[in-house]
């Protein structure tokens, strides 16, 4: 079963290439098209890291931990 992060890993290069290709096809300069495609891809990475942050649900707290004080 594909999860959110599997889809995100597919969408990052698709966004970079897709947005760049669409913008280049409608007449934007190549540097502008690739830059905006990179911004969209970076936005997807930022969303995956900061908005929908990865977490480990199976990690049990360490019961042998004792505070220093």
PDB file of N, CA and C in Angstrom:
ATOM      1  N   UNK A   1       0.846  -1.167   0.000  1.00  0.00           N
ATOM      2  CA  UNK A   1       0.000   0.000   0.000  1.00  0.00           C
ATOM      3  C   UNK A   1       0.896   1.236   0.000  1.00  0.00           C
ATOM      4  N   UNK A   2       0.599   2.155  -0.883  1.00  0.00           N
ATOM      5  CA  UNK A   2       1.395   3.373  -0.931  1.00  0.00           C
ATOM      6  C   UNK A   2       0.877   4.365   0.088  1.00  0.00           C
ATOM      7  N   UNK A   3       1.814   4.964   0.764  1.00  0.00           N
ATOM      8  CA  UNK A   3       1.467   5.941   1.779  1.00  0.00           C
ATOM      9  C   UNK A   3       1.727   7.357   1.287  1.00  0.00           C
ATOM     10  N   UNK A   4       1.576   8.284   2.194  1.00  0.00           N
ATOM     11  CA  UNK A   4       1.763   9.699   1.878  1.00  0.00           C
ATOM     12  C   UNK A   4       3.182   9.974   1.398  1.00  0.00           C
ATOM     13  N   UNK A   5       4.167   9.420   2.075  1.00  0.00           N
ATOM     14  CA  UNK A   5       5.552   9.719   1.730  1.00  0.00           C
ATOM     15  C   UNK A   5       5.989   9.038   0.439  1.00  0.00           C
ATOM     16  N   UNK A   6       5.379   7.910   0.105  1.00  0.00           N
ATOM     17  CA  UNK A   6       5.649   7.289  -1.187  1.00  0.00           C
ATOM     18  C   UNK A   6       5.137   8.180  -2.314  1.00  0.00           C
ATOM     19  N   UNK A   7       3.946   8.706  -2.131  1.00  0.00           N
ATOM     20  CA  UNK A   7       3.386   9.612  -3.136  1.00  0.00           C
ATOM     21  C   UNK A   7       4.198  10.896  -3.220  1.00  0.00           C
ATOM     22  N   UNK A   8       4.670  11.370  -2.090  1.00  0.00           N
ATOM     23  CA  UNK A   8       5.482  12.588  -2.073  1.00  0.00           C
ATOM     24  C   UNK A   8       6.789  12.393  -2.827  1.00  0.00           C
ATOM     25  N   UNK A   9       7.400  11.230  -2.671  1.00  0.00           N
ATOM     26  CA  UNK A   9       8.643  10.946  -3.393  1.00  0.00           C
ATOM     27  C   UNK A   9       8.424  10.894  -4.897  1.00  0.00           C
ATOM     28  N   UNK A  10       7.235  10.527  -5.330  1.00  0.00           N
ATOM     29  CA  UNK A  10       6.930  10.533  -6.753  1.00  0.00           C
ATOM     30  C   UNK A  10       6.623  11.955  -7.223  1.00  0.00           C
ATOM     31  N   UNK A  11       5.925  12.724  -6.397  1.00  0.00           N
ATOM     32  CA  UNK A  11       5.493  14.053  -6.802  1.00  0.00           C
ATOM     33  C   UNK A  11       6.631  15.066  -6.894  1.00  0.00           C
ATOM     34  N   UNK A  12       7.707  14.880  -6.151  1.00  0.00           N
ATOM     35  CA  UNK A  12       8.792  15.867  -6.167  1.00  0.00           C
ATOM     36  C   UNK A  12       9.407  15.991  -7.566  1.00  0.00           C
ATOM     37  N   UNK A  13       9.894  14.907  -8.181  1.00  0.00           N
ATOM     38  CA  UNK A  13      10.435  15.089  -9.537  1.00  0.00           C
ATOM     39  C   UNK A  13       9.361  15.388 -10.581  1.00  0.00           C
ATOM     40  N   UNK A  14       8.146  14.869 -10.375  1.00  0.00           N
ATOM     41  CA  UNK A  14       7.065  15.158 -11.314  1.00  0.00           C
ATOM     42  C   UNK A  14       6.750  16.648 -11.298  1.00  0.00           C
ATOM     43  N   UNK A  15       6.732  17.251 -10.114  1.00  0.00           N
ATOM     44  CA  UNK A  15       6.481  18.686 -10.008  1.00  0.00           C
ATOM     45  C   UNK A  15       7.610  19.483 -10.639  1.00  0.00           C
ATOM     46  N   UNK A  16       8.845  19.086 -10.382  1.00  0.00           N
ATOM     47  CA  UNK A  16       9.987  19.806 -10.946  1.00  0.00           C
ATOM     48  C   UNK A  16       9.964  19.772 -12.467  1.00  0.00           C
ATOM     49  N   UNK A  17       9.828  18.588 -13.023  1.00  0.00           N
ATOM     50  CA  UNK A  17       9.843  18.451 -14.478  1.00  0.00           C
ATOM     51  C   UNK A  17       8.545  18.962 -15.094  1.00  0.00           C
ATOM     52  N   UNK A  18       7.430  18.650 -14.474  1.00  0.00           N
ATOM     53  CA  UNK A  18       6.137  19.034 -15.034  1.00  0.00           C
ATOM     54  C   UNK A  18       5.913  20.532 -15.065  1.00  0.00           C
ATOM     55  N   UNK A  19       6.168  21.192 -13.948  1.00  0.00           N
ATOM     56  CA  UNK A  19       5.980  22.639 -13.899  1.00  0.00           C
ATOM     57  C   UNK A  19       6.963  23.320 -14.844  1.00  0.00           C
ATOM     58  N   UNK A  20       8.194  22.845 -14.850  1.00  0.00           N
ATOM     59  CA  UNK A  20       9.194  23.426 -15.752  1.00  0.00           C
ATOM     60  C   UNK A  20       8.784  23.263 -17.215  1.00  0.00           C
ATOM     61  N   UNK A  21       8.299  22.092 -17.572  1.00  0.00           N
ATOM     62  CA  UNK A  21       7.904  21.838 -18.955  1.00  0.00           C
ATOM     63  C   UNK A  21       6.701  22.678 -19.364  1.00  0.00           C
ATOM     64  N   UNK A  22       5.727  22.786 -18.476  1.00  0.00           N
ATOM     65  CA  UNK A  22       4.535  23.574 -18.800  1.00  0.00           C
ATOM     66  C   UNK A  22       4.904  25.041 -18.966  1.00  0.00           C
ATOM     67  N   UNK A  23       5.711  25.562 -18.056  1.00  0.00           N
ATOM     68  CA  UNK A  23       6.089  26.970 -18.157  1.00  0.00           C
ATOM     69  C   UNK A  23       6.956  27.237 -19.390  1.00  0.00           C
ATOM     70  N   UNK A  24       7.856  26.306 -19.699  1.00  0.00           N
ATOM     71  CA  UNK A  24       8.673  26.470 -20.897  1.00  0.00           C
ATOM     72  C   UNK A  24       7.807  26.376 -22.156  1.00  0.00           C
ATOM     73  N   UNK A  25       6.778  25.547 -22.130  1.00  0.00           N
ATOM     74  CA  UNK A  25       5.903  25.391 -23.290  1.00  0.00           C
ATOM     75  C   UNK A  25       5.052  26.633 -23.539  1.00  0.00           C
ATOM     76  N   UNK A  26       4.709  27.350 -22.478  1.00  0.00           N
ATOM     77  CA  UNK A  26       3.887  28.553 -22.689  1.00  0.00           C
ATOM     78  C   UNK A  26       4.747  29.792 -22.928  1.00  0.00           C
ATOM     79  N   UNK A  27       6.064  29.609 -22.973  1.00  0.00           N
ATOM     80  CA  UNK A  27       6.916  30.706 -23.395  1.00  0.00           C
ATOM     81  C   UNK A  27       7.763  31.355 -22.319  1.00  0.00           C
ATOM     82  N   UNK A  28       7.775  30.815 -21.111  1.00  0.00           N
ATOM     83  CA  UNK A  28       8.622  31.381 -20.061  1.00  0.00           C
ATOM     84  C   UNK A  28      10.075  31.017 -20.347  1.00  0.00           C
ATOM     85  N   UNK A  29      10.983  31.850 -19.876  1.00  0.00           N
ATOM     86  CA  UNK A  29      12.407  31.550 -20.041  1.00  0.00           C
ATOM     87  C   UNK A  29      12.742  30.267 -19.285  1.00  0.00           C
ATOM     88  N   UNK A  30      13.727  29.536 -19.790  1.00  0.00           N
ATOM     89  CA  UNK A  30      14.075  28.258 -19.161  1.00  0.00           C
ATOM     90  C   UNK A  30      14.526  28.439 -17.717  1.00  0.00           C
ATOM     91  N   UNK A  31      15.282  29.491 -17.434  1.00  0.00           N
ATOM     92  CA  UNK A  31      15.730  29.704 -16.053  1.00  0.00           C
ATOM     93  C   UNK A  31      14.557  29.987 -15.131  1.00  0.00           C
ATOM     94  N   UNK A  32      13.590  30.740 -15.623  1.00  0.00           N
ATOM     95  CA  UNK A  32      12.395  31.016 -14.816  1.00  0.00           C
ATOM     96  C   UNK A  32      11.572  29.752 -14.620  1.00  0.00           C
ATOM     97  N   UNK A  33      11.428  28.961 -15.661  1.00  0.00           N
ATOM     98  CA  UNK A  33      10.626  27.741 -15.586  1.00  0.00           C
ATOM     99  C   UNK A  33      11.235  26.747 -14.607  1.00  0.00           C
ATOM    100  N   UNK A  34      12.545  26.547 -14.689  1.00  0.00           N
ATOM    101  CA  UNK A  34      13.196  25.587 -13.793  1.00  0.00           C
ATOM    102  C   UNK A  34      13.190  26.100 -12.360  1.00  0.00           C
ATOM    103  N   UNK A  35      13.368  27.416 -12.187  1.00  0.00           N
ATOM    104  CA  UNK A  35      13.329  27.988 -10.838  1.00  0.00           C
ATOM    105  C   UNK A  35      11.962  27.796 -10.194  1.00  0.00           C
ATOM    106  N   UNK A  36      10.916  28.084 -10.928  1.00  0.00           N
ATOM    107  CA  UNK A  36       9.572  27.918 -10.360  1.00  0.00           C
ATOM    108  C   UNK A  36       9.231  26.442 -10.136  1.00  0.00           C
ATOM    109  N   UNK A  37       9.711  25.577 -11.008  1.00  0.00           N
ATOM    110  CA  UNK A  37       9.530  24.140 -10.774  1.00  0.00           C
ATOM    111  C   UNK A  37      10.252  23.697  -9.515  1.00  0.00           C
ATOM    112  N   UNK A  38      11.438  24.236  -9.294  1.00  0.00           N
ATOM    113  CA  UNK A  38      12.185  23.929  -8.072  1.00  0.00           C
ATOM    114  C   UNK A  38      11.508  24.456  -6.826  1.00  0.00           C
ATOM    115  N   UNK A  39      10.885  25.613  -6.936  1.00  0.00           N
ATOM    116  CA  UNK A  39      10.159  26.179  -5.787  1.00  0.00           C
ATOM    117  C   UNK A  39       8.971  25.288  -5.426  1.00  0.00           C
ATOM    118  N   UNK A  40       8.270  24.803  -6.429  1.00  0.00           N
ATOM    119  CA  UNK A  40       7.140  23.899  -6.162  1.00  0.00           C
ATOM    120  C   UNK A  40       7.635  22.599  -5.530  1.00  0.00           C
ATOM    121  N   UNK A  41       8.721  22.050  -6.059  1.00  0.00           N
ATOM    122  CA  UNK A  41       9.279  20.812  -5.501  1.00  0.00           C
ATOM    123  C   UNK A  41       9.766  21.038  -4.067  1.00  0.00           C
ATOM    124  N   UNK A  42      10.405  22.176  -3.819  1.00  0.00           N
ATOM    125  CA  UNK A  42      10.862  22.487  -2.459  1.00  0.00           C
ATOM    126  C   UNK A  42       9.676  22.675  -1.515  1.00  0.00           C
ATOM    127  N   UNK A  43       8.595  23.221  -2.030  1.00  0.00           N
ATOM    128  CA  UNK A  43       7.383  23.352  -1.215  1.00  0.00           C
ATOM    129  C   UNK A  43       6.817  22.007  -0.808  1.00  0.00           C
ATOM    130  N   UNK A  44       6.877  21.046  -1.725  1.00  0.00           N
ATOM    131  CA  UNK A  44       6.421  19.697  -1.384  1.00  0.00           C
ATOM    132  C   UNK A  44       7.313  19.063  -0.319  1.00  0.00           C
ATOM    133  N   UNK A  45       8.623  19.275  -0.437  1.00  0.00           N
ATOM    134  CA  UNK A  45       9.549  18.740   0.568  1.00  0.00           C
ATOM    135  C   UNK A  45       9.284  19.393   1.917  1.00  0.00           C
ATOM    136  N   UNK A  46       9.089  20.710   1.920  1.00  0.00           N
ATOM    137  CA  UNK A  46       8.818  21.418   3.173  1.00  0.00           C
ATOM    138  C   UNK A  46       7.510  20.946   3.799  1.00  0.00           C
ATOM    139  N   UNK A  47       6.516  20.691   2.975  1.00  0.00           N
ATOM    140  CA  UNK A  47       5.246  20.183   3.510  1.00  0.00           C
ATOM    141  C   UNK A  47       5.441  18.815   4.149  1.00  0.00           C
ATOM    142  N   UNK A  48       6.213  17.975   3.498  1.00  0.00           N
ATOM    143  CA  UNK A  48       6.459  16.641   4.044  1.00  0.00           C
ATOM    144  C   UNK A  48       7.286  16.665   5.314  1.00  0.00           C
ATOM    145  N   UNK A  49       8.149  17.669   5.463  1.00  0.00           N
ATOM    146  CA  UNK A  49       9.001  17.726   6.654  1.00  0.00           C
ATOM    147  C   UNK A  49       8.372  18.483   7.813  1.00  0.00           C
ATOM    148  N   UNK A  50       7.685  19.594   7.516  1.00  0.00           N
ATOM    149  CA  UNK A  50       7.259  20.480   8.589  1.00  0.00           C
ATOM    150  C   UNK A  50       5.758  20.496   8.839  1.00  0.00           C
ATOM    151  N   UNK A  51       4.954  20.354   7.817  1.00  0.00           N
ATOM    152  CA  UNK A  51       3.500  20.392   8.010  1.00  0.00           C
ATOM    153  C   UNK A  51       2.978  19.017   8.389  1.00  0.00           C
ATOM    154  N   UNK A  52       3.323  18.029   7.591  1.00  0.00           N
ATOM    155  CA  UNK A  52       2.908  16.653   7.864  1.00  0.00           C
ATOM    156  C   UNK A  52       4.161  15.872   8.249  1.00  0.00           C
ATOM    157  N   UNK A  53       4.695  16.207   9.406  1.00  0.00           N
ATOM    158  CA  UNK A  53       6.010  15.696   9.788  1.00  0.00           C
ATOM    159  C   UNK A  53       6.008  14.191  10.031  1.00  0.00           C
ATOM    160  N   UNK A  54       7.111  13.556   9.658  1.00  0.00           N
ATOM    161  CA  UNK A  54       7.202  12.114   9.896  1.00  0.00           C
ATOM    162  C   UNK A  54       7.338  11.824  11.388  1.00  0.00           C
ATOM    163  N   UNK A  55       6.722  10.780  11.810  1.00  0.00           N
ATOM    164  CA  UNK A  55       6.835  10.389  13.209  1.00  0.00           C
ATOM    165  C   UNK A  55       6.856   8.871  13.291  1.00  0.00           C
ATOM    166  N   UNK A  56       7.527   8.400  14.302  1.00  0.00           N
ATOM    167  CA  UNK A  56       7.596   6.967  14.514  1.00  0.00           C
ATOM    168  C   UNK A  56       6.589   6.601  15.587  1.00  0.00           C
ATOM    169  N   UNK A  57       5.558   5.862  15.200  1.00  0.00           N
ATOM    170  CA  UNK A  57       4.511   5.507  16.160  1.00  0.00           C
ATOM    171  C   UNK A  57       4.842   4.228  16.922  1.00  0.00           C
ATOM    172  N   UNK A  58       5.796   3.444  16.404  1.00  0.00           N
ATOM    173  CA  UNK A  58       6.111   2.186  17.058  1.00  0.00           C
ATOM    174  C   UNK A  58       7.269   2.308  18.049  1.00  0.00           C
ATOM    175  N   UNK A  59       7.844   3.476  18.205  1.00  0.00           N
ATOM    176  CA  UNK A  59       8.973   3.649  19.118  1.00  0.00           C
ATOM    177  C   UNK A  59       8.454   3.762  20.551  1.00  0.00           C
ATOM    178  N   UNK A  60       8.827   2.811  21.355  1.00  0.00           N
ATOM    179  CA  UNK A  60       8.423   2.824  22.758  1.00  0.00           C
ATOM    180  C   UNK A  60       9.420   3.658  23.560  1.00  0.00           C
ATOM    181  N   UNK A  61       8.943   4.365  24.564  1.00  0.00           N
ATOM    182  CA  UNK A  61       9.874   5.136  25.384  1.00  0.00           C
ATOM    183  C   UNK A  61      10.844   4.213  26.118  1.00  0.00           C
ATOM    184  N   UNK A  62      12.042   4.692  26.273  1.00  0.00           N
ATOM    185  CA  UNK A  62      13.076   3.901  26.932  1.00  0.00           C
ATOM    186  C   UNK A  62      12.805   3.885  28.434  1.00  0.00           C
ATOM    187  N   UNK A  63      12.427   2.738  28.978  1.00  0.00           N
ATOM    188  CA  UNK A  63      12.081   2.650  30.393  1.00  0.00           C
ATOM    189  C   UNK A  63      13.315   2.667  31.281  1.00  0.00           C
ATOM    190  N   UNK A  64      14.497   2.471  30.735  1.00  0.00           N
ATOM    191  CA  UNK A  64      15.698   2.475  31.557  1.00  0.00           C
ATOM    192  C   UNK A  64      16.262   3.864  31.731  1.00  0.00           C
ATOM    193  N   UNK A  65      15.613   4.870  31.147  1.00  0.00           N
ATOM    194  CA  UNK A  65      16.085   6.245  31.268  1.00  0.00           C
ATOM    195  C   UNK A  65      15.827   6.780  32.675  1.00  0.00           C
ATOM    196  N   UNK A  66      16.861   7.320  33.282  1.00  0.00           N
ATOM    197  CA  UNK A  66      16.727   7.947  34.600  1.00  0.00           C
ATOM    198  C   UNK A  66      17.235   9.368  34.501  1.00  0.00           C
ATOM    199  N   UNK A  67      16.463  10.350  34.986  1.00  0.00           N
ATOM    200  CA  UNK A  67      16.921  11.725  34.933  1.00  0.00           C
ATOM    201  C   UNK A  67      18.137  11.950  35.839  1.00  0.00           C
ATOM    202  N   UNK A  68      18.937  12.932  35.498  1.00  0.00           N
ATOM    203  CA  UNK A  68      20.154  13.188  36.248  1.00  0.00           C
ATOM    204  C   UNK A  68      19.880  13.815  37.607  1.00  0.00           C
ATOM    205  N   UNK A  69      18.800  14.541  37.755  1.00  0.00           N
ATOM    206  CA  UNK A  69      18.553  15.201  39.049  1.00  0.00           C
ATOM    207  C   UNK A  69      17.593  14.480  39.920  1.00  0.00           C
TER     208      UNK A  69
END
